[in-house]
């Protein structure tokens, strides 16, 4: 008889468009090959909003269902804490405590394991977990470090100071309440231990995965056709992808600072909602696409993928997408976190001082590009399938059930 995983997330997942959606959706889809999965999500999204918000059920497959709990009362909180708004979802447990969804309570009784995505809903799930089912917290980031940007901006309002304290409190409570924490990188694991004193055996590192069948290495002819379709014929295309998320915005700023060091034949292609932060920017060798439904055509047109990250936590799905597409990659050490070492075997690692020279080097060396592209694809295939993610998670669930 199949076991049941109840997964809880503070954002609607289907259809997956942003990195966080992909991280939840594809992991749960892979787990559903072996366990039944009931994904309970809250909130609304621009691409799924209805005139009269109400719960919606989406059957992904026979063993995987998303139940999106939405009501008019949650919209103000959803707007205030949406990605790019600058406020984390610290109200998520409070909303659930106020609305007390009956479907969620029923699934808590029915399930074998409860999993919560990010710390914001752990408190409520722990409260209603009367039967003390194994409770797992999936840490997409170390939130306390991620939101330290408030401090970096100088004097904070009393509200922002409260937000900072609430982030740390909820994350600390989450790691204490749960039976196990899933971190996506060794770096995050070490930070949890350092900041909150979490016992080492309570944290398991399970990176994100990627659908290696979705992304593929394009031949030169296919790449030229993809460029032609986008009006980029004759250009060497440098790709960066990302959502409207402060570390991505910071990375794009560094890209804009370096574009003047490259000739007119090099085109920096910025794909995704991160471009919303740069609507007033117009440069001859920079193209912002904004949100796109089909990013694959942009990967097909790219010659190099870059990830000049200076802040943030967790693991970047864009890196796995670059590698799966056979793109040679230039990144910082922070941008490579969560990926297996030695990094230098399959991508170029540079600090920001050397980033532009490293990019110049790989753009002018076809043999180097081919080597890194092939090696990166192999790493993605060997180590980062969603089936491997599912297998590692199920081993954790089974171990918790055996205690």
Protein backbone atom coordinates (compact mmCIF):
# COMPACT_ATOMS: atom_id res chain seq x y z
CA UNK A 1 0.00 0.00 0.00
CA UNK A 2 1.32 3.44 -0.95
CA UNK A 3 2.28 5.89 1.76
CA UNK A 4 1.06 9.50 1.66
CA UNK A 5 3.23 12.60 1.78
CA UNK A 6 1.49 15.84 2.75
CA UNK A 7 3.56 18.72 1.36
CA UNK A 8 2.72 22.30 2.40
CA UNK A 9 3.92 25.44 0.59
CA UNK A 10 3.12 29.16 1.05
CA UNK A 11 2.72 29.73 -2.70
CA UNK A 12 0.77 28.15 -5.52
CA UNK A 13 2.95 25.77 -7.54
CA UNK A 14 1.10 24.66 -10.70
CA UNK A 15 1.90 25.54 -13.41
CA UNK A 16 5.58 25.87 -12.42
CA UNK A 17 7.15 29.03 -13.81
CA UNK A 18 9.67 30.32 -11.23
CA UNK A 19 12.54 28.53 -9.54
CA UNK A 20 10.67 27.87 -6.29
CA UNK A 21 7.71 26.42 -8.21
CA UNK A 22 10.03 24.06 -10.10
CA UNK A 23 11.81 23.00 -6.91
CA UNK A 24 8.54 21.91 -5.28
CA UNK A 25 6.66 20.62 -8.32
CA UNK A 26 9.32 18.40 -9.90
CA UNK A 27 10.51 16.94 -6.59
CA UNK A 28 6.94 16.04 -5.63
CA UNK A 29 6.21 14.68 -9.10
CA UNK A 30 9.24 12.39 -8.83
CA UNK A 31 8.25 11.27 -5.31
CA UNK A 32 4.75 10.47 -6.61
CA UNK A 33 6.18 7.54 -8.58
CA UNK A 34 6.56 5.78 -5.24
CA UNK A 35 4.32 7.58 -2.70
CA UNK A 36 1.06 9.47 -3.04
CA UNK A 37 1.58 13.22 -2.73
CA UNK A 38 -0.96 15.81 -1.61
CA UNK A 39 0.44 19.31 -2.08
CA UNK A 40 -1.41 21.97 -0.09
CA UNK A 41 -0.60 25.52 -1.23
CA UNK A 42 -1.88 28.97 -0.32
CA UNK A 43 -2.16 32.26 -2.13
CA UNK A 44 -2.79 33.45 -5.67
CA UNK A 45 -0.59 34.20 -8.67
CA UNK A 46 -1.03 36.62 -11.53
CA UNK A 47 -1.16 33.78 -14.04
CA UNK A 48 -3.80 31.80 -12.09
CA UNK A 49 -5.89 34.54 -10.44
CA UNK A 50 -9.70 34.33 -10.56
CA UNK A 51 -12.28 37.07 -10.15
CA UNK A 52 -13.65 35.30 -7.08
CA UNK A 53 -10.77 33.50 -5.31
CA UNK A 54 -11.64 30.03 -4.07
CA UNK A 55 -9.88 26.72 -3.48
CA UNK A 56 -8.88 24.83 -6.61
CA UNK A 57 -7.77 21.25 -7.10
CA UNK A 58 -5.33 20.24 -9.82
CA UNK A 59 -4.73 16.54 -10.40
CA UNK A 60 -1.17 16.35 -11.74
CA UNK A 61 -1.25 12.56 -12.06
CA UNK A 62 -3.00 9.62 -10.40
CA UNK A 63 -0.73 9.94 -7.35
CA UNK A 64 -0.05 13.70 -7.16
CA UNK A 65 -2.60 16.42 -6.46
CA UNK A 66 -2.20 20.11 -5.68
CA UNK A 67 -4.93 21.71 -3.58
CA UNK A 68 -4.59 25.49 -3.80
CA UNK A 69 -6.32 27.13 -0.83
CA UNK A 70 -7.31 30.67 -1.74
CA UNK A 71 -9.84 33.19 -0.49
CA UNK A 72 -10.41 36.92 -0.72
CA UNK A 73 -9.00 37.36 2.78
CA UNK A 74 -5.55 36.09 1.78
CA UNK A 75 -5.10 38.41 -1.22
CA UNK A 76 -3.74 41.44 0.74
CA UNK A 77 -1.17 39.25 2.49
CA UNK A 78 -0.31 37.55 -0.80
CA UNK A 79 0.29 40.86 -2.57
CA UNK A 80 2.37 42.20 0.30
CA UNK A 81 4.62 39.14 0.44
CA UNK A 82 4.82 38.21 -3.25
CA UNK A 83 8.24 37.66 -4.77
CA UNK A 84 10.01 40.98 -5.27
CA UNK A 85 7.82 42.85 -2.75
CA UNK A 86 10.56 42.93 -0.13
CA UNK A 87 8.63 41.23 2.68
CA UNK A 88 8.98 37.52 3.52
CA UNK A 89 5.91 35.37 4.15
CA UNK A 90 6.01 35.68 7.94
CA UNK A 91 2.19 35.84 8.10
CA UNK A 92 1.64 32.40 6.53
CA UNK A 93 1.13 30.42 9.76
CA UNK A 94 -1.09 33.16 11.17
CA UNK A 95 -3.32 33.01 8.11
CA UNK A 96 -3.71 29.25 8.42
CA UNK A 97 -4.43 29.54 12.15
CA UNK A 98 -7.14 32.10 11.42
CA UNK A 99 -8.75 30.25 8.49
CA UNK A 100 -8.19 26.65 9.72
CA UNK A 101 -8.66 24.82 6.39
CA UNK A 102 -10.57 21.58 6.96
CA UNK A 103 -8.91 19.86 4.01
CA UNK A 104 -5.49 20.42 5.55
CA UNK A 105 -6.57 19.10 8.94
CA UNK A 106 -7.98 15.99 7.29
CA UNK A 107 -4.78 15.29 5.35
CA UNK A 108 -2.72 15.65 8.54
CA UNK A 109 -4.68 12.75 10.02
CA UNK A 110 -4.45 10.70 6.82
CA UNK A 111 -0.79 11.19 5.83
CA UNK A 112 2.35 9.31 6.85
CA UNK A 113 4.81 12.22 6.65
CA UNK A 114 4.31 16.01 6.71
CA UNK A 115 6.72 18.19 4.75
CA UNK A 116 6.77 21.99 4.84
CA UNK A 117 8.44 24.18 2.23
CA UNK A 118 10.31 27.09 3.94
CA UNK A 119 9.84 27.99 7.63
CA UNK A 120 6.74 30.18 7.44
CA UNK A 121 4.10 27.47 7.93
CA UNK A 122 5.99 25.09 10.22
CA UNK A 123 4.50 26.55 13.41
CA UNK A 124 0.91 25.91 12.34
CA UNK A 125 1.65 22.44 10.98
CA UNK A 126 3.39 21.49 14.20
CA UNK A 127 0.40 22.74 16.18
CA UNK A 128 -2.16 20.61 14.30
CA UNK A 129 0.11 17.55 14.10
CA UNK A 130 -1.57 15.99 17.13
CA UNK A 131 -0.54 12.46 16.19
CA UNK A 132 3.10 13.54 15.88
CA UNK A 133 3.64 12.35 12.33
CA UNK A 134 7.25 12.86 11.13
CA UNK A 135 7.63 16.57 10.28
CA UNK A 136 10.19 17.67 7.68
CA UNK A 137 11.25 21.25 6.85
CA UNK A 138 12.65 21.87 3.34
CA UNK A 139 14.93 24.91 3.60
CA UNK A 140 15.13 26.69 0.25
CA UNK A 141 17.51 29.21 1.84
CA UNK A 142 18.86 30.20 5.22
CA UNK A 143 16.29 32.97 5.52
CA UNK A 144 17.94 34.89 8.35
CA UNK A 145 21.04 35.42 6.20
CA UNK A 146 19.02 36.17 3.09
CA UNK A 147 17.02 38.94 4.78
CA UNK A 148 20.02 40.57 6.41
CA UNK A 149 19.85 43.00 3.48
CA UNK A 150 17.55 45.10 5.69
CA UNK A 151 20.48 45.72 8.03
CA UNK A 152 22.82 46.51 5.15
CA UNK A 153 20.59 49.38 4.02
CA UNK A 154 21.26 51.38 7.15
CA UNK A 155 18.63 52.61 9.57
CA UNK A 156 15.54 50.42 9.60
CA UNK A 157 11.97 51.35 10.38
CA UNK A 158 10.47 49.69 13.43
CA UNK A 159 8.38 47.51 11.09
CA UNK A 160 11.40 46.28 9.15
CA UNK A 161 13.24 45.63 12.41
CA UNK A 162 10.25 43.52 13.49
CA UNK A 163 10.35 41.64 10.18
CA UNK A 164 14.03 40.82 10.68
CA UNK A 165 13.41 39.55 14.19
CA UNK A 166 10.38 37.56 13.02
CA UNK A 167 12.36 35.90 10.22
CA UNK A 168 15.01 34.72 12.67
CA UNK A 169 12.44 33.64 15.26
CA UNK A 170 10.33 31.63 12.83
CA UNK A 171 13.34 29.96 11.27
CA UNK A 172 14.79 29.10 14.67
CA UNK A 173 11.43 27.71 15.80
CA UNK A 174 11.11 25.72 12.58
CA UNK A 175 14.43 23.89 12.95
CA UNK A 176 13.61 23.14 16.59
CA UNK A 177 10.04 21.89 15.96
CA UNK A 178 10.69 19.53 13.07
CA UNK A 179 12.14 16.04 13.09
CA UNK A 180 14.41 16.71 10.14
CA UNK A 181 15.67 19.60 7.99
CA UNK A 182 16.48 19.21 4.29
CA UNK A 183 19.14 21.70 3.17
CA UNK A 184 20.05 22.04 -0.50
CA UNK A 185 23.76 22.73 -0.03
CA UNK A 186 26.59 22.01 2.41
CA UNK A 187 26.96 25.77 2.82
CA UNK A 188 23.38 26.10 4.05
CA UNK A 189 23.79 23.10 6.34
CA UNK A 190 26.84 24.68 7.97
CA UNK A 191 24.98 27.98 8.43
CA UNK A 192 22.04 26.27 10.15
CA UNK A 193 24.46 24.60 12.54
CA UNK A 194 26.36 27.86 13.14
CA UNK A 195 23.36 30.18 13.58
CA UNK A 196 20.86 27.93 15.36
CA UNK A 197 23.02 25.20 16.88
CA UNK A 198 21.13 22.48 14.99
CA UNK A 199 22.46 18.98 15.60
CA UNK A 200 24.37 17.69 12.60
CA UNK A 201 22.34 14.50 12.31
CA UNK A 202 19.12 16.52 12.08
CA UNK A 203 20.10 18.08 8.72
CA UNK A 204 20.27 16.15 5.47
CA UNK A 205 21.69 17.74 2.32
CA UNK A 206 19.58 16.91 -0.74
CA UNK A 207 20.22 19.29 -3.67
CA UNK A 208 17.64 20.30 -6.25
CA UNK A 209 17.37 18.36 -9.49
CA UNK A 210 16.76 19.04 -13.16
CA UNK A 211 14.88 17.34 -15.99
CA UNK A 212 17.79 16.39 -18.22
CA UNK A 213 15.35 15.26 -20.92
CA UNK A 214 13.82 18.72 -21.12
CA UNK A 215 17.13 20.49 -21.79
CA UNK A 216 19.54 19.35 -24.47
CA UNK A 217 22.79 20.27 -26.19
CA UNK A 218 22.09 22.06 -29.47
CA UNK A 219 24.18 21.64 -32.60
CA UNK A 220 25.66 24.74 -34.22
CA UNK A 221 22.92 24.69 -36.88
CA UNK A 222 20.19 24.44 -34.23
CA UNK A 223 21.78 27.27 -32.28
CA UNK A 224 21.93 29.52 -35.34
CA UNK A 225 18.28 28.81 -36.11
CA UNK A 226 17.33 29.64 -32.50
CA UNK A 227 19.22 32.94 -32.75
CA UNK A 228 17.59 33.77 -36.05
CA UNK A 229 14.14 33.16 -34.56
CA UNK A 230 14.93 35.65 -31.78
CA UNK A 231 16.47 38.23 -34.09
CA UNK A 232 19.96 37.59 -32.70
CA UNK A 233 21.76 36.32 -35.80
CA UNK A 234 25.48 37.08 -35.74
CA UNK A 235 25.54 37.62 -31.98
CA UNK A 236 27.47 35.75 -29.32
CA UNK A 237 24.81 35.30 -26.64
CA UNK A 238 25.59 35.39 -22.91
CA UNK A 239 22.61 34.19 -20.87
CA UNK A 240 21.41 35.01 -17.36
CA UNK A 241 18.01 33.85 -16.10
CA UNK A 242 16.17 34.69 -12.90
CA UNK A 243 13.05 35.74 -11.06
CA UNK A 244 12.49 39.19 -9.53
CA UNK A 245 14.51 38.38 -6.43
CA UNK A 246 17.02 40.69 -4.78
CA UNK A 247 20.15 38.51 -5.22
CA UNK A 248 19.25 38.16 -8.94
CA UNK A 249 18.73 41.92 -9.21
CA UNK A 250 22.14 42.46 -7.63
CA UNK A 251 23.68 40.01 -10.11
CA UNK A 252 22.15 41.85 -13.08
CA UNK A 253 23.59 45.12 -11.77
CA UNK A 254 27.06 43.54 -11.90
CA UNK A 255 26.36 42.37 -15.45
CA UNK A 256 25.38 45.89 -16.52
CA UNK A 257 28.61 47.20 -15.00
CA UNK A 258 30.69 44.89 -17.21
CA UNK A 259 28.85 45.03 -20.56
CA UNK A 260 30.94 47.99 -21.72
CA UNK A 261 34.00 45.73 -21.72
CA UNK A 262 32.53 43.63 -24.53
CA UNK A 263 32.08 44.46 -28.19
CA UNK A 264 28.77 45.02 -30.05
CA UNK A 265 28.75 41.40 -31.27
CA UNK A 266 28.27 40.12 -27.70
CA UNK A 267 24.67 40.22 -26.51
CA UNK A 268 23.78 39.85 -22.82
CA UNK A 269 20.38 38.15 -22.67
CA UNK A 270 18.52 38.60 -19.36
CA UNK A 271 15.56 36.20 -19.22
CA UNK A 272 12.81 36.26 -16.60
CA UNK A 273 11.05 38.62 -14.22
CA UNK A 274 14.33 39.96 -12.86
CA UNK A 275 14.09 42.32 -15.84
CA UNK A 276 11.14 44.05 -14.14
CA UNK A 277 13.67 45.85 -11.94
CA UNK A 278 15.38 47.36 -15.01
CA UNK A 279 12.52 48.71 -17.11
CA UNK A 280 14.26 52.06 -17.57
CA UNK A 281 17.56 50.51 -18.72
CA UNK A 282 18.33 50.60 -22.43
CA UNK A 283 21.72 49.40 -23.63
CA UNK A 284 22.60 48.31 -27.19
CA UNK A 285 24.08 44.94 -26.17
CA UNK A 286 21.61 44.00 -23.40
CA UNK A 287 18.21 42.40 -24.01
CA UNK A 288 15.60 41.97 -21.27
CA UNK A 289 12.80 39.53 -22.07
CA UNK A 290 10.75 39.83 -18.87
CA UNK A 291 8.62 36.81 -18.00
CA UNK A 292 8.62 34.13 -20.71
CA UNK A 293 6.42 31.04 -21.07
CA UNK A 294 9.06 29.06 -22.94
CA UNK A 295 12.66 29.65 -21.79
CA UNK A 296 14.01 26.72 -23.82
CA UNK A 297 14.37 28.78 -27.00
CA UNK A 298 16.62 31.22 -25.12
CA UNK A 299 18.78 28.39 -23.79
CA UNK A 300 19.02 27.08 -27.36
CA UNK A 301 20.25 30.47 -28.59
CA UNK A 302 22.83 30.97 -25.81
CA UNK A 303 26.56 30.37 -26.13
CA UNK A 304 27.49 30.81 -22.45
CA UNK A 305 25.56 30.87 -19.17
CA UNK A 306 26.65 33.19 -16.37
CA UNK A 307 25.74 33.48 -12.69
CA UNK A 308 27.62 36.35 -11.01
CA UNK A 309 25.91 35.95 -7.62
CA UNK A 310 27.14 37.97 -4.66
CA UNK A 311 24.45 37.17 -2.10
CA UNK A 312 21.60 34.80 -1.33
CA UNK A 313 21.40 31.22 -0.19
CA UNK A 314 20.13 27.82 -1.22
CA UNK A 315 20.94 26.49 -4.67
CA UNK A 316 20.29 27.96 -8.11
CA UNK A 317 18.17 25.88 -10.47
CA UNK A 318 19.46 28.06 -13.31
CA UNK A 319 22.87 26.45 -12.85
CA UNK A 320 21.44 22.97 -13.42
CA UNK A 321 19.53 24.25 -16.44
CA UNK A 322 22.72 25.76 -17.90
CA UNK A 323 24.61 22.50 -17.35
CA UNK A 324 21.81 20.34 -18.76
CA UNK A 325 21.74 22.55 -21.87
CA UNK A 326 25.44 21.94 -22.44
CA UNK A 327 26.26 25.61 -21.87
CA UNK A 328 29.71 26.45 -20.57
CA UNK A 329 29.25 28.37 -17.32
CA UNK A 330 31.07 31.23 -15.62
CA UNK A 331 30.02 31.81 -12.03
CA UNK A 332 31.15 32.90 -8.59
CA UNK A 333 31.72 30.45 -5.74
CA UNK A 334 28.44 31.62 -4.22
CA UNK A 335 26.67 30.95 -7.51
CA UNK A 336 28.02 27.39 -7.58
CA UNK A 337 26.88 26.46 -4.06
CA UNK A 338 25.09 23.14 -3.83
CA UNK A 339 26.88 21.69 -6.86
CA UNK A 340 29.40 18.89 -6.46
CA UNK A 341 33.08 19.71 -6.19
CA UNK A 342 35.61 20.18 -7.66
CA UNK A 343 33.71 22.85 -9.59
CA UNK A 344 36.69 23.64 -11.77
CA UNK A 345 36.29 20.29 -13.53
CA UNK A 346 33.18 21.47 -15.36
CA UNK A 347 32.82 25.26 -15.09
CA UNK A 348 34.81 28.47 -14.62
CA UNK A 349 34.81 29.92 -11.10
CA UNK A 350 35.80 33.56 -10.59
CA UNK A 351 35.47 36.40 -8.14
CA UNK A 352 33.98 39.60 -9.51
CA UNK A 353 37.36 41.18 -10.16
CA UNK A 354 38.22 38.38 -12.57
CA UNK A 355 34.73 37.70 -13.88
CA UNK A 356 34.94 39.77 -17.05
CA UNK A 357 38.38 38.36 -18.04
CA UNK A 358 37.10 34.81 -17.38
CA UNK A 359 34.08 35.45 -19.61
CA UNK A 360 36.31 36.95 -22.33
CA UNK A 361 38.52 33.86 -22.12
CA UNK A 362 35.74 31.35 -22.66
CA UNK A 363 34.04 33.43 -25.37
CA UNK A 364 37.24 33.36 -27.41
CA UNK A 365 38.08 29.68 -26.92
CA UNK A 366 35.74 27.29 -28.75
CA UNK A 367 37.60 24.24 -27.50
CA UNK A 368 37.20 25.37 -23.89
CA UNK A 369 33.48 26.03 -24.41
CA UNK A 370 32.98 22.56 -25.88
CA UNK A 371 34.88 20.93 -23.00
CA UNK A 372 32.97 22.69 -20.23
CA UNK A 373 29.65 22.20 -22.01
CA UNK A 374 30.14 18.44 -22.34
CA UNK A 375 31.45 18.02 -18.79
CA UNK A 376 28.61 20.09 -17.32
CA UNK A 377 25.99 18.02 -19.13
CA UNK A 378 27.57 14.83 -17.79
CA UNK A 379 27.50 16.15 -14.21
CA UNK A 380 23.81 17.06 -14.57
CA UNK A 381 22.98 13.60 -15.93
CA UNK A 382 25.02 11.72 -13.32
CA UNK A 383 24.13 13.63 -10.15
CA UNK A 384 21.05 15.84 -10.44
CA UNK A 385 18.03 13.98 -11.80
CA UNK A 386 14.73 14.52 -9.99
CA UNK A 387 14.49 10.73 -9.57
CA UNK A 388 17.67 10.86 -7.49
CA UNK A 389 16.18 13.69 -5.40
CA UNK A 390 13.03 11.62 -4.86
CA UNK A 391 15.04 8.55 -3.88
CA UNK A 392 17.07 10.47 -1.32
CA UNK A 393 13.96 12.08 0.17
CA UNK A 394 12.08 8.79 0.43
CA UNK A 395 15.06 7.23 2.24
CA UNK A 396 14.80 10.09 4.74
CA UNK A 397 11.03 9.65 5.15
CA UNK A 398 11.39 5.90 5.68
CA UNK A 399 14.12 6.44 8.26
CA UNK A 400 11.91 8.88 10.18
CA UNK A 401 9.01 6.41 10.12
CA UNK A 402 11.22 3.64 11.50
CA UNK A 403 12.29 5.62 14.58
